Amino acid sequence: MAGNYQQEDIIQKIFSFLELLPIPTQFSKINTETFLPGIKIDKGVLLVDPDKLVHPGDILHEAGHIAVSRPEERMHLQNNVIENNESKSGEELVAMLWSYAAIMDMGLSPEIVFHKEGYKGESEWILDQYRSQNFIGLPLLQWMGLTYTDTETLQFPKMKKWLRT
């Protein structure tokens, strides 16, 4: 990653955003295999190894998993939070929407999160859905109280709050 000023800028902007929420995030050497290269959730803390990180937008997606989890669950989150945890499977769609709202709030391109190598090759389809305002999973994000309902003035991707309470 050394010398990639644009990527370093994106990472710094993401870290600054997450710090304000607050979602605990820190740079750390990661010596184990992880679900996404250079990113690991450890007891609710988002660890990022800049030497192994491939896509900075993946930081936001993983932060989304932390943000949409119930507060009492956050400190117990580890690695791939939905693996072997059926109760969290619906949160994948919500974490995707959360990360989309976050990248839009930061004024960055959604392709940073929804890059071609992610989402099992479906990132372009997902972005097409979002551009068409077909926000798959939005009722769950609304139910969590994170974004506005259809009857409120502001609409998604505007958020009421960034952390589930």
Protein backbone atom coordinates (compact mmCIF):
# COMPACT_ATOMS: atom_id res chain seq x y z
CA MET A 1 0.00 0.00 0.00
CA ALA A 2 2.98 2.33 0.40
CA GLY A 3 2.92 5.08 -2.17
CA ASN A 4 -0.78 4.73 -2.90
CA TYR A 5 -1.75 8.18 -1.67
CA GLN A 6 -5.35 7.95 -2.87
CA GLN A 7 -5.94 4.69 -0.99
CA GLU A 8 -4.29 6.12 2.14
CA ASP A 9 -6.56 9.18 1.88
CA ILE A 10 -9.64 6.97 1.61
CA ILE A 11 -8.56 4.91 4.61
CA GLN A 12 -7.96 8.04 6.67
CA LYS A 13 -11.34 9.47 5.72
CA ILE A 14 -13.05 6.20 6.67
CA PHE A 15 -11.19 6.04 10.00
CA SER A 16 -12.15 9.64 10.79
CA PHE A 17 -15.80 8.89 9.99
CA LEU A 18 -15.85 5.76 12.16
CA GLU A 19 -14.15 7.56 15.05
CA LEU A 20 -17.00 10.07 15.18
CA LEU A 21 -19.69 7.38 15.52
CA PRO A 22 -17.81 5.85 17.53
CA ILE A 23 -16.87 2.46 16.13
CA PRO A 24 -13.56 1.31 17.65
CA THR A 25 -11.07 0.98 14.83
CA GLN A 26 -7.31 0.61 14.94
CA PHE A 27 -4.35 -0.23 12.78
CA SER A 28 -2.86 -3.57 13.75
CA LYS A 29 -0.72 -6.33 12.30
CA ILE A 30 -2.96 -9.28 11.47
CA ASN A 31 -1.10 -12.58 11.37
CA THR A 32 -4.06 -14.88 10.82
CA GLU A 33 -6.18 -15.55 7.78
CA THR A 34 -9.24 -13.31 7.66
CA PHE A 35 -12.51 -13.26 5.76
CA LEU A 36 -11.48 -10.01 4.03
CA PRO A 37 -7.77 -9.33 3.48
CA GLY A 38 -6.30 -7.02 6.11
CA ILE A 39 -9.48 -6.68 8.20
CA LYS A 40 -10.50 -8.47 11.35
CA ILE A 41 -13.17 -7.88 13.96
CA ASP A 42 -11.89 -8.80 17.40
CA LYS A 43 -14.23 -8.38 20.39
CA GLY A 44 -16.11 -5.62 18.56
CA VAL A 45 -12.98 -3.72 17.54
CA LEU A 46 -12.28 -3.32 13.84
CA LEU A 47 -8.61 -4.10 13.20
CA VAL A 48 -7.01 -3.04 9.93
CA ASP A 49 -3.61 -4.16 8.66
CA PRO A 50 -2.73 -1.59 5.97
CA ASP A 51 -0.04 -3.89 4.54
CA LYS A 52 -2.62 -6.61 3.80
CA LEU A 53 -5.66 -4.47 3.05
CA VAL A 54 -6.77 -4.79 -0.57
CA HIS A 55 -9.97 -2.72 -0.70
CA PRO A 56 -10.45 0.19 1.74
CA GLY A 57 -14.22 0.06 1.26
CA ASP A 58 -14.25 -3.34 2.95
CA ILE A 59 -13.51 -1.47 6.19
CA LEU A 60 -16.91 0.22 5.92
CA HIS A 61 -18.73 -3.01 5.23
CA GLU A 62 -17.25 -4.68 8.30
CA ALA A 63 -17.92 -1.53 10.36
CA GLY A 64 -21.52 -1.88 9.20
CA HIS A 65 -21.71 -5.28 10.89
CA ILE A 66 -20.59 -3.70 14.15
CA ALA A 67 -22.98 -0.75 13.76
CA VAL A 68 -26.10 -2.82 13.11
CA SER A 69 -25.46 -5.29 15.91
CA ARG A 70 -27.22 -4.78 19.20
CA PRO A 71 -25.02 -2.89 21.67
CA GLU A 72 -24.76 -5.87 24.03
CA GLU A 73 -23.50 -8.07 21.14
CA ARG A 74 -20.83 -5.71 19.76
CA MET A 75 -18.10 -6.60 22.26
CA HIS A 76 -18.51 -10.28 21.37
CA LEU A 77 -18.18 -9.94 17.59
CA GLN A 78 -15.33 -11.91 16.08
CA ASN A 79 -13.96 -12.41 12.55
CA ASN A 80 -16.72 -13.27 10.05
CA VAL A 81 -19.68 -12.22 12.19
CA ILE A 82 -22.36 -14.04 10.18
CA GLU A 83 -20.52 -17.34 9.76
CA ASN A 84 -22.14 -20.03 11.90
CA ASN A 85 -24.51 -17.44 13.35
CA GLU A 86 -27.91 -17.80 11.71
CA SER A 87 -29.41 -14.97 13.75
CA LYS A 88 -27.04 -12.54 12.02
CA SER A 89 -27.68 -13.63 8.41
CA GLY A 90 -30.26 -10.88 7.80
CA GLU A 91 -27.74 -8.32 8.95
CA GLU A 92 -25.65 -8.83 5.81
CA LEU A 93 -28.15 -6.85 3.72
CA VAL A 94 -28.36 -4.20 6.43
CA ALA A 95 -24.56 -3.92 6.68
CA MET A 96 -24.48 -3.43 2.91
CA LEU A 97 -27.06 -0.63 3.10
CA TRP A 98 -25.28 0.90 6.09
CA SER A 99 -21.96 0.95 4.22
CA TYR A 100 -23.67 2.46 1.17
CA ALA A 101 -25.18 5.24 3.31
CA ALA A 102 -21.79 5.81 4.96
CA ILE A 103 -19.84 6.11 1.70
CA MET A 104 -22.49 8.45 0.30
CA ASP A 105 -22.39 10.55 3.49
CA MET A 106 -18.61 10.87 3.09
CA GLY A 107 -19.05 12.03 -0.50
CA LEU A 108 -17.01 9.15 -1.90
CA SER A 109 -17.80 6.84 -4.78
CA PRO A 110 -19.94 3.81 -3.84
CA GLU A 111 -17.62 1.69 -6.01
CA ILE A 112 -15.08 2.00 -3.18
CA VAL A 113 -17.30 -0.28 -1.09
CA PHE A 114 -18.96 -2.19 -3.92
CA HIS A 115 -15.83 -3.03 -5.88
CA LYS A 116 -15.70 -5.63 -8.64
CA GLU A 117 -13.93 -8.23 -6.50
CA GLY A 118 -16.58 -8.14 -3.76
CA TYR A 119 -20.06 -9.43 -3.18
CA LYS A 120 -19.56 -12.69 -5.07
CA GLY A 121 -19.28 -10.83 -8.36
CA GLU A 122 -22.63 -9.06 -7.87
CA SER A 123 -21.37 -5.59 -6.91
CA GLU A 124 -22.51 -3.96 -10.16
CA TRP A 125 -25.97 -5.49 -9.82
CA ILE A 126 -26.17 -4.26 -6.21
CA LEU A 127 -25.14 -0.74 -7.26
CA ASP A 128 -27.72 -0.80 -10.07
CA GLN A 129 -30.38 -1.70 -7.49
CA TYR A 130 -29.30 1.12 -5.18
CA ARG A 131 -29.14 3.63 -8.04
CA SER A 132 -32.73 2.63 -8.89
CA GLN A 133 -33.64 3.20 -5.23
CA ASN A 134 -34.38 -0.49 -4.78
CA PHE A 135 -32.76 -0.73 -1.36
CA ILE A 136 -33.00 -4.43 -0.57
CA GLY A 137 -33.27 -4.87 3.19
CA LEU A 138 -34.34 -1.28 3.89
CA PRO A 139 -37.32 -2.25 6.09
CA LEU A 140 -34.91 -3.97 8.49
CA LEU A 141 -32.67 -0.88 8.63
CA GLN A 142 -35.77 1.21 9.32
CA TRP A 143 -36.98 -1.24 11.97
CA MET A 144 -33.60 -0.91 13.71
CA GLY A 145 -34.27 2.83 13.88
CA LEU A 146 -31.18 3.72 11.89
CA THR A 147 -32.83 5.41 8.93
CA TYR A 148 -36.06 7.18 8.08
CA THR A 149 -39.34 5.49 7.25
CA ASP A 150 -41.26 6.20 4.07
CA THR A 151 -43.52 8.66 5.91
CA GLU A 152 -40.67 10.88 7.12
CA THR A 153 -39.26 13.84 5.20
CA LEU A 154 -35.70 12.59 4.84
CA GLN A 155 -35.16 9.32 3.04
CA PHE A 156 -32.43 6.72 2.76
CA PRO A 157 -29.46 7.00 2.27
CA LYS A 158 -29.81 9.69 4.94
CA MET A 159 -29.48 8.16 8.38
CA LYS A 160 -31.13 9.04 11.69
CA LYS A 161 -28.23 7.53 13.57
CA TRP A 162 -25.27 5.33 12.75
CA LEU A 163 -25.28 2.87 15.66
CA ARG A 164 -28.09 0.57 16.68
CA THR A 165 -29.24 1.19 20.23
